[in-house]
Amino acid sequence: MSRRAVPTLALRSTRPGGGPATVGPLLHSPLPAWAALFWNVMTFLGPTPVIPIGALGQAVAQGMLVLSLLFALLANPRRIIRPDLYLGLLSVLAVVALMVSLHNDFLVGSTYRATRFVVWLLVLWLLTPWWGRPGLPILRAHLTVLRVIAVSVIVGVIAFPGAAFGDQGRLAGALWPIPPPQVGHYGAVLLGCTVVLWFCRQVSGRTTLLTALATGYLLFASHTRTALLGGVIGLVVSGASLFLGHARVRRTAAVVAVVAGGGGLLFGTVVLSWLSRGQTAQDAAQLTGRTKVWARVFAMHRTWVGDLFGSGLSNKSFDGLPIDSNWVATFLDLGRFGVALQVVMLLGLVLLAVTRPRGPRRALALFLVTYCITASFTETGLGDASPYLLDLAVASSLLAWPPGASAD
């Protein structure tokens, strides 16, 4: 395959060890394993759900990791694994995390998180035969899971509005405890990917409109500024990569510029009120108190080994307070080495995207990577098993060459 050739987006799946299969059994696709893998990182934390299942919910979430491994082995019985730069760097991070966690003061919890991270990555490796496949099977699986989550949150609003808005008036999951920031995250990623596919004429206008209405509601009702900012910046970057070759992108950019300008003049006060969330200027400057926790983390005394490699995977808190920054949490858990490795991982994905032909694959990958970079400053998730790492895995699958194709 020529380097300049753009892989087609055929709507058919392929088995990892053979040729195309028009309609294969569900277990021969990556969807079941991907759904279980996603469910595993939707930990049973956050607002109390309307169904009081308590510890059972936590057990279900954790048990999904074993189920995802089983599904991955069924889908990939020949244990075929493709090389992948992103997963390779992430595996180094996981191994170091396991080694460091063995010396953590909270040995059991830290080692459990690291071991879970290693197994979680093993499932992703088993799904690499679908990397680069026509039809974008990994992306389709990811979007299917996000649609189910979005529907579950909306059903929760309709059936149990009090529980859905029980977190200081912000929308959260009522059927499954999804915190407002994650509701916004899932909505932003689903909306952004759908819009990029619409730019490239891969989905209909009706599908895009329905998705925009549903996910727009999730974004604004959850009051998640990070997700909104990440989605906007991601769409700007991905749209720029398509600007010259797609008239629809240019027309949409012009319309959005006019609407945004007029809307800013008419509803500027309302927008500023929404963005402030009732906070003072001092609270906003301190990122809702986050900077105080970050300062305490950096002021903590550690040995040179701890400064370099951290103290092992934690629950991303410090003295009982949430850290809410991937880079600060990674510095605490995995030291300067972990931070440097994550920078290389993100830069590697960006450089891979730049070298790929212009088209939907590159645009989608750029959206996902840009979104995760933006969110990483006020959200955790790049140093442990999380939905953010799944977003980046989707980006890596989009940038991979089809099996058997040459990059030369």
Protein backbone atom coordinates (compact mmCIF):
# COMPACT_ATOMS: atom_id res chain seq x y z
CA MET A 1 0.00 0.00 0.00
CA SER A 2 1.35 3.40 -0.90
CA ARG A 3 2.06 5.86 1.86
CA ARG A 4 -0.19 8.35 0.12
CA ALA A 5 -3.12 5.99 -0.18
CA VAL A 6 -6.01 6.64 2.18
CA PRO A 7 -7.56 3.47 3.68
CA THR A 8 -11.23 3.11 2.82
CA LEU A 9 -13.91 3.19 5.48
CA ALA A 10 -15.67 0.02 4.39
CA LEU A 11 -18.54 -0.97 6.67
CA ARG A 12 -17.53 -4.57 7.18
CA SER A 13 -15.54 -6.31 9.86
CA THR A 14 -12.52 -8.57 9.54
CA ARG A 15 -11.33 -11.43 11.66
CA PRO A 16 -7.80 -11.06 13.04
CA GLY A 17 -6.45 -14.16 11.41
CA GLY A 18 -8.18 -14.24 8.08
CA GLY A 19 -9.93 -12.38 5.32
CA PRO A 20 -13.00 -10.21 5.40
CA ALA A 21 -16.15 -11.43 7.08
CA THR A 22 -19.39 -9.71 6.07
CA VAL A 23 -21.41 -10.52 9.20
CA GLY A 24 -19.38 -12.40 11.78
CA PRO A 25 -20.58 -13.53 15.18
CA LEU A 26 -20.54 -10.84 17.83
CA LEU A 27 -17.80 -12.63 19.74
CA HIS A 28 -15.54 -12.40 16.70
CA SER A 29 -15.65 -8.61 16.92
CA PRO A 30 -13.84 -6.35 19.42
CA LEU A 31 -17.11 -4.85 20.73
CA PRO A 32 -17.79 -7.21 23.68
CA ALA A 33 -14.21 -6.99 24.97
CA TRP A 34 -14.14 -3.23 24.45
CA ALA A 35 -17.46 -2.73 26.25
CA ALA A 36 -16.31 -4.80 29.24
CA LEU A 37 -12.97 -2.99 29.27
CA PHE A 38 -14.77 0.37 29.28
CA TRP A 39 -17.16 -0.74 32.02
CA ASN A 40 -14.19 -1.77 34.14
CA VAL A 41 -12.85 1.80 34.21
CA MET A 42 -16.30 3.22 34.98
CA THR A 43 -15.60 2.53 38.63
CA PHE A 44 -18.54 2.41 41.01
CA LEU A 45 -17.82 5.82 42.52
CA GLY A 46 -19.72 9.08 42.56
CA PRO A 47 -23.36 9.94 43.33
CA THR A 48 -25.48 7.23 44.94
CA PRO A 49 -27.44 5.42 42.19
CA VAL A 50 -31.17 4.90 42.44
CA ILE A 51 -30.61 1.13 42.60
CA PRO A 52 -28.84 0.56 45.94
CA ILE A 53 -26.55 -2.31 44.95
CA GLY A 54 -23.60 -1.03 47.00
CA ALA A 55 -20.63 -3.39 47.06
CA LEU A 56 -22.19 -5.48 44.29
CA GLY A 57 -21.73 -2.58 41.89
CA GLN A 58 -18.04 -2.35 42.73
CA ALA A 59 -17.67 -6.11 42.24
CA VAL A 60 -19.40 -5.91 38.86
CA ALA A 61 -17.10 -3.10 37.70
CA GLN A 62 -13.98 -4.94 38.80
CA GLY A 63 -15.20 -8.26 37.41
CA MET A 64 -15.55 -6.71 33.97
CA LEU A 65 -11.76 -6.89 33.61
CA VAL A 66 -11.84 -10.70 33.75
CA LEU A 67 -14.78 -10.74 31.37
CA SER A 68 -13.00 -8.43 28.92
CA LEU A 69 -9.98 -10.74 28.91
CA LEU A 70 -12.23 -13.72 28.19
CA PHE A 71 -13.96 -11.88 25.33
CA ALA A 72 -10.61 -10.80 23.89
CA LEU A 73 -9.33 -14.38 23.93
CA LEU A 74 -12.51 -15.60 22.24
CA ALA A 75 -12.26 -12.89 19.58
CA ASN A 76 -8.56 -13.49 19.03
CA PRO A 77 -8.11 -17.28 19.56
CA ARG A 78 -4.76 -17.34 17.73
CA ARG A 79 -3.34 -14.74 20.16
CA ILE A 80 -2.20 -12.50 17.31
CA ILE A 81 -0.62 -9.25 18.49
CA ARG A 82 0.43 -6.33 16.30
CA PRO A 83 3.24 -3.93 17.24
CA ASP A 84 2.04 -0.55 18.45
CA LEU A 85 4.09 2.40 19.68
CA TYR A 86 1.40 3.76 21.99
CA LEU A 87 0.74 0.43 23.72
CA GLY A 88 4.49 -0.25 23.88
CA LEU A 89 5.15 2.96 25.81
CA LEU A 90 2.10 2.39 27.97
CA SER A 91 3.36 -1.12 28.79
CA VAL A 92 6.68 0.30 29.98
CA LEU A 93 4.71 2.68 32.20
CA ALA A 94 2.63 -0.19 33.60
CA VAL A 95 5.67 -2.36 34.38
CA VAL A 96 7.40 0.52 36.15
CA ALA A 97 4.18 1.24 38.04
CA LEU A 98 4.05 -2.37 39.22
CA MET A 99 7.69 -2.35 40.33
CA VAL A 100 7.31 0.92 42.24
CA SER A 101 3.96 -0.06 43.76
CA LEU A 102 5.58 -3.02 45.50
CA HIS A 103 7.34 -0.48 47.73
CA ASN A 104 4.29 1.67 48.43
CA ASP A 105 3.18 2.24 52.03
CA PHE A 106 -0.27 1.04 50.94
CA LEU A 107 1.10 -2.16 49.41
CA VAL A 108 -2.14 -4.05 48.75
CA GLY A 109 -4.09 -1.21 47.15
CA SER A 110 -1.20 0.11 45.09
CA THR A 111 -0.11 -3.31 43.85
CA TYR A 112 -3.69 -4.23 42.99
CA ARG A 113 -4.06 -1.09 40.86
CA ALA A 114 -0.78 -1.79 39.07
CA THR A 115 -1.64 -5.45 38.44
CA ARG A 116 -5.05 -4.44 37.13
CA PHE A 117 -3.34 -1.94 34.84
CA VAL A 118 -1.09 -4.68 33.40
CA VAL A 119 -4.03 -7.04 32.74
CA TRP A 120 -6.06 -4.18 31.27
CA LEU A 121 -3.23 -3.48 28.83
CA LEU A 122 -3.02 -7.18 27.96
CA VAL A 123 -6.63 -7.00 26.74
CA LEU A 124 -5.75 -4.01 24.56
CA TRP A 125 -2.81 -5.92 23.08
CA LEU A 126 -5.15 -8.80 22.23
CA LEU A 127 -7.35 -6.35 20.33
CA THR A 128 -4.53 -4.95 18.17
CA PRO A 129 -5.43 -7.21 15.19
CA TRP A 130 -8.30 -4.75 14.64
CA TRP A 131 -5.92 -1.76 14.60
CA GLY A 132 -6.02 -0.10 11.16
CA ARG A 133 -8.80 -2.32 9.81
CA PRO A 134 -11.25 -0.99 7.20
CA GLY A 135 -14.53 0.02 8.76
CA LEU A 136 -12.82 1.44 11.87
CA PRO A 137 -13.97 -1.39 14.18
CA ILE A 138 -12.29 0.00 17.31
CA LEU A 139 -13.77 3.44 16.79
CA ARG A 140 -17.22 1.96 16.11
CA ALA A 141 -17.00 -0.11 19.31
CA HIS A 142 -15.96 2.99 21.26
CA LEU A 143 -18.80 5.09 19.89
CA THR A 144 -21.32 2.29 20.53
CA VAL A 145 -20.32 2.18 24.19
CA LEU A 146 -20.51 5.97 24.47
CA ARG A 147 -24.00 5.97 22.92
CA VAL A 148 -25.20 3.39 25.44
CA ILE A 149 -23.78 5.48 28.28
CA ALA A 150 -25.41 8.64 26.93
CA VAL A 151 -28.78 6.90 26.64
CA SER A 152 -28.48 5.52 30.19
CA VAL A 153 -27.79 9.01 31.58
CA ILE A 154 -30.74 10.51 29.68
CA VAL A 155 -33.04 7.69 30.82
CA GLY A 156 -31.88 8.42 34.37
CA VAL A 157 -32.87 12.08 33.92
CA ILE A 158 -36.33 11.13 32.67
CA ALA A 159 -37.01 8.46 35.27
CA PHE A 160 -35.19 9.88 38.30
CA PRO A 161 -34.51 13.60 37.82
CA GLY A 162 -33.88 14.19 41.51
CA ALA A 163 -31.09 11.62 41.63
CA ALA A 164 -29.68 12.71 38.28
CA PHE A 165 -29.22 16.30 39.48
CA GLY A 166 -28.35 15.44 43.07
CA ASP A 167 -24.71 16.52 42.74
CA GLN A 168 -25.04 20.28 43.37
CA GLY A 169 -27.45 20.57 40.46
CA ARG A 170 -25.01 19.07 37.95
CA LEU A 171 -26.08 16.14 35.79
CA ALA A 172 -24.68 12.77 36.89
CA GLY A 173 -25.52 9.15 36.21
CA ALA A 174 -28.60 8.02 38.12
CA LEU A 175 -28.69 4.39 36.94
CA TRP A 176 -24.92 3.92 37.25
CA PRO A 177 -22.92 6.42 39.36
CA ILE A 178 -21.16 8.49 36.70
CA PRO A 179 -19.75 11.77 38.12
CA PRO A 180 -20.62 14.99 36.23
CA PRO A 181 -17.08 15.46 34.81
CA GLN A 182 -17.25 12.03 33.22
CA VAL A 183 -20.74 12.65 31.87
CA GLY A 184 -19.30 15.70 30.15
CA HIS A 185 -16.26 13.73 28.97
CA TYR A 186 -18.33 11.00 27.31
CA GLY A 187 -20.65 13.55 25.74
CA ALA A 188 -17.78 15.64 24.35
CA VAL A 189 -15.96 12.68 22.81
CA LEU A 190 -19.14 11.27 21.25
CA LEU A 191 -20.11 14.68 19.87
CA GLY A 192 -16.63 15.47 18.54
CA CYS A 193 -16.15 12.14 16.78
CA THR A 194 -19.62 12.31 15.23
CA VAL A 195 -19.02 15.84 13.93
CA VAL A 196 -15.68 14.83 12.40
CA LEU A 197 -17.34 11.85 10.71
CA TRP A 198 -20.04 14.22 9.42
CA PHE A 199 -17.35 16.54 8.07
CA CYS A 200 -16.05 13.56 6.08
CA ARG A 201 -19.56 12.47 4.99
CA GLN A 202 -19.38 9.21 6.92
CA VAL A 203 -22.58 9.77 8.93
CA SER A 204 -25.86 11.40 7.95
CA GLY A 205 -26.96 14.86 8.96
CA ARG A 206 -29.88 13.38 10.89
CA THR A 207 -27.60 11.18 12.99
CA THR A 208 -25.30 14.11 13.63
CA LEU A 209 -28.18 16.37 14.67
CA LEU A 210 -29.65 13.83 17.09
CA THR A 211 -26.22 13.15 18.56
CA ALA A 212 -25.50 16.88 18.88
CA LEU A 213 -28.79 17.49 20.71
CA ALA A 214 -28.25 14.61 23.15
CA THR A 215 -24.56 15.18 23.84
CA GLY A 216 -24.99 18.96 23.94
CA TYR A 217 -27.49 18.45 26.73
CA LEU A 218 -25.06 16.18 28.59
CA LEU A 219 -22.28 18.74 28.26
CA PHE A 220 -24.23 21.75 29.48
CA ALA A 221 -26.32 19.95 32.12
CA SER A 222 -23.20 18.36 33.64
CA HIS A 223 -21.62 21.84 33.74
CA THR A 224 -18.22 20.45 32.73
CA ARG A 225 -15.97 23.23 31.50
CA THR A 226 -12.98 20.96 30.86
CA ALA A 227 -14.97 18.71 28.52
CA LEU A 228 -16.42 21.69 26.68
CA LEU A 229 -13.00 23.31 26.23
CA GLY A 230 -11.37 20.04 25.19
CA GLY A 231 -14.13 19.33 22.67
CA VAL A 232 -13.90 22.80 21.13
CA ILE A 233 -10.10 22.76 20.84
CA GLY A 234 -10.17 19.20 19.51
CA LEU A 235 -12.68 20.12 16.81
CA VAL A 236 -10.66 23.18 15.83
CA VAL A 237 -7.49 21.08 15.41
CA SER A 238 -9.21 18.22 13.57
CA GLY A 239 -11.19 20.66 11.43
CA ALA A 240 -7.98 22.47 10.49
CA SER A 241 -6.54 19.17 9.23
CA LEU A 242 -9.58 18.83 6.91
CA PHE A 243 -10.00 22.50 6.03
CA LEU A 244 -8.38 22.50 2.60
CA GLY A 245 -9.90 19.27 1.35
CA HIS A 246 -13.48 19.46 2.61
CA ALA A 247 -15.86 22.26 1.62
CA ARG A 248 -18.26 21.22 4.39
CA VAL A 249 -15.61 22.07 6.99
CA ARG A 250 -15.05 25.51 5.48
CA ARG A 251 -18.77 26.28 5.35
CA THR A 252 -19.30 25.07 8.91
CA ALA A 253 -16.36 27.13 10.17
CA ALA A 254 -17.83 30.27 8.60
CA VAL A 255 -21.28 29.62 10.07
CA VAL A 256 -19.88 28.86 13.53
CA ALA A 257 -17.78 32.04 13.47
CA VAL A 258 -20.82 34.17 12.66
CA VAL A 259 -23.08 32.44 15.20
CA ALA A 260 -20.41 32.54 17.91
CA GLY A 261 -19.79 36.21 17.31
CA GLY A 262 -23.48 37.11 17.40
CA GLY A 263 -24.18 34.81 20.33
CA GLY A 264 -21.30 36.29 22.28
CA LEU A 265 -22.75 39.77 21.92
CA LEU A 266 -26.31 38.74 22.80
CA PHE A 267 -25.70 36.12 25.49
CA GLY A 268 -22.24 37.01 26.79
CA THR A 269 -23.50 37.53 30.35
CA VAL A 270 -25.29 34.17 30.38
CA VAL A 271 -22.22 32.39 29.02
CA LEU A 272 -19.94 33.96 31.63
CA SER A 273 -22.40 33.02 34.37
CA TRP A 274 -22.43 29.41 33.16
CA LEU A 275 -18.65 29.27 33.01
CA SER A 276 -18.20 30.74 36.48
CA ARG A 277 -20.58 28.19 38.10
CA GLY A 278 -21.19 30.70 40.89
CA GLN A 279 -17.51 30.88 41.82
CA THR A 280 -15.57 33.97 42.76
CA ALA A 281 -12.67 35.26 40.67
CA GLN A 282 -10.27 33.92 43.31
CA ASP A 283 -11.79 30.43 43.10
CA ALA A 284 -11.51 30.51 39.32
CA ALA A 285 -7.88 31.60 39.50
CA GLN A 286 -7.12 28.69 41.84
CA LEU A 287 -9.05 26.28 39.57
CA THR A 288 -11.61 25.56 42.32
CA GLY A 289 -8.87 24.99 44.89
CA ARG A 290 -6.88 22.56 42.78
CA THR A 291 -3.71 24.65 42.81
CA LYS A 292 -3.53 24.44 46.61
CA VAL A 293 -3.37 20.65 46.47
CA TRP A 294 -0.85 20.75 43.62
CA ALA A 295 1.44 23.03 45.64
CA ARG A 296 1.36 20.60 48.57
CA VAL A 297 2.28 17.70 46.30
CA PHE A 298 5.29 19.52 44.86
CA ALA A 299 6.36 20.69 48.31
CA MET A 300 6.39 17.14 49.69
CA HIS A 301 9.87 15.86 50.59
CA ARG A 302 10.96 12.68 48.78
CA THR A 303 14.18 10.84 48.13
CA TRP A 304 15.80 11.13 44.71
CA VAL A 305 14.45 7.68 43.83
CA GLY A 306 10.94 8.74 44.79
CA ASP A 307 11.32 11.97 42.86
CA LEU A 308 12.40 10.02 39.78
CA PHE A 309 10.01 7.05 39.92
CA GLY A 310 7.27 8.11 42.34
CA SER A 311 5.67 6.06 45.10
CA GLY A 312 3.34 3.75 43.15
CA LEU A 313 -0.24 3.97 41.89
CA SER A 314 -2.64 5.72 44.24
CA ASN A 315 -6.29 6.74 44.21
CA LYS A 316 -5.19 10.10 42.74
CA SER A 317 -5.65 12.02 45.99
CA PHE A 318 -3.33 13.72 48.45
CA ASP A 319 -4.18 13.87 52.16
CA GLY A 320 -7.74 12.96 51.25
CA LEU A 321 -8.10 15.75 48.67
CA PRO A 322 -8.51 15.02 44.94
CA ILE A 323 -5.52 16.03 42.84
CA ASP A 324 -7.50 16.62 39.62
CA SER A 325 -4.50 16.94 37.35
CA ASN A 326 -2.97 14.13 35.39
CA TRP A 327 0.51 15.63 35.47
CA VAL A 328 0.54 16.26 39.21
CA ALA A 329 -0.94 12.83 39.94
CA THR A 330 1.58 11.15 37.64
CA PHE A 331 4.43 13.02 39.32
CA LEU A 332 3.18 11.73 42.68
CA ASP A 333 2.65 8.15 41.50
CA LEU A 334 5.38 7.62 38.90
CA GLY A 335 7.75 10.56 39.33
CA ARG A 336 9.53 12.47 36.64
CA PHE A 337 10.02 9.27 34.65
CA GLY A 338 6.27 8.75 34.36
CA VAL A 339 5.66 12.35 33.34
CA ALA A 340 8.39 12.18 30.67
CA LEU A 341 7.05 8.89 29.31
CA GLN A 342 3.55 10.31 29.01
CA VAL A 343 4.89 13.35 27.14
CA VAL A 344 6.69 11.03 24.70
CA MET A 345 3.51 8.96 24.32
CA LEU A 346 1.37 11.98 23.43
CA LEU A 347 3.99 13.52 21.16
CA GLY A 348 4.40 10.17 19.42
CA LEU A 349 0.68 10.05 18.61
CA VAL A 350 0.75 13.65 17.35
CA LEU A 351 3.75 12.95 15.11
CA LEU A 352 2.13 9.77 13.79
CA ALA A 353 -0.98 11.77 12.93
CA VAL A 354 1.07 14.41 11.11
CA THR A 355 2.71 11.74 8.93
CA ARG A 356 -0.59 10.08 7.96
CA PRO A 357 -2.54 11.04 4.81
CA ARG A 358 -5.17 13.75 5.18
CA GLY A 359 -8.57 12.25 5.88
CA PRO A 360 -11.03 11.06 8.54
CA ARG A 361 -8.59 8.76 10.31
CA ARG A 362 -6.07 11.51 10.93
CA ALA A 363 -8.75 14.05 11.84
CA LEU A 364 -10.39 11.71 14.35
CA ALA A 365 -7.04 10.82 15.91
CA LEU A 366 -6.10 14.49 16.20
CA PHE A 367 -9.42 15.25 17.89
CA LEU A 368 -8.98 12.48 20.46
CA VAL A 369 -5.34 13.28 21.24
CA THR A 370 -6.03 17.02 21.48
CA TYR A 371 -9.00 16.41 23.74
CA CYS A 372 -6.98 14.20 26.11
CA ILE A 373 -4.10 16.69 26.24
CA THR A 374 -6.49 19.52 27.10
CA ALA A 375 -8.33 17.49 29.74
CA SER A 376 -5.10 16.22 31.31
CA PHE A 377 -4.48 19.55 33.06
CA THR A 378 -7.58 19.30 35.26
CA GLU A 379 -8.43 15.59 35.04
CA THR A 380 -6.48 12.45 35.91
CA GLY A 381 -6.32 9.33 33.76
CA LEU A 382 -3.17 9.01 31.64
CA GLY A 383 -1.17 7.10 34.26
CA ASP A 384 -3.63 4.32 35.04
CA ALA A 385 -6.45 2.36 33.41
CA SER A 386 -9.06 4.96 32.45
CA PRO A 387 -11.45 6.09 29.69
CA TYR A 388 -8.82 8.63 28.60
CA LEU A 389 -6.37 5.86 27.78
CA LEU A 390 -9.13 4.15 25.81
CA ASP A 391 -9.65 7.38 23.85
CA LEU A 392 -5.94 7.39 23.02
CA ALA A 393 -6.06 3.69 22.13
CA VAL A 394 -8.77 4.51 19.59
CA ALA A 395 -6.51 7.24 18.19
CA SER A 396 -3.65 4.76 17.91
CA SER A 397 -5.88 2.25 16.12
CA LEU A 398 -6.89 4.93 13.63
CA LEU A 399 -3.26 5.80 12.88
CA ALA A 400 -2.15 2.19 12.38
CA TRP A 401 -1.59 0.91 8.84
CA PRO A 402 -3.93 -1.92 7.73
CA PRO A 403 -2.54 -5.42 8.40
CA GLY A 404 -0.19 -6.44 5.61
CA ALA A 405 0.16 -2.90 4.27
CA SER A 406 3.50 -1.18 3.98
CA ALA A 407 4.15 2.32 5.30
CA ASP A 408 6.88 2.88 2.73
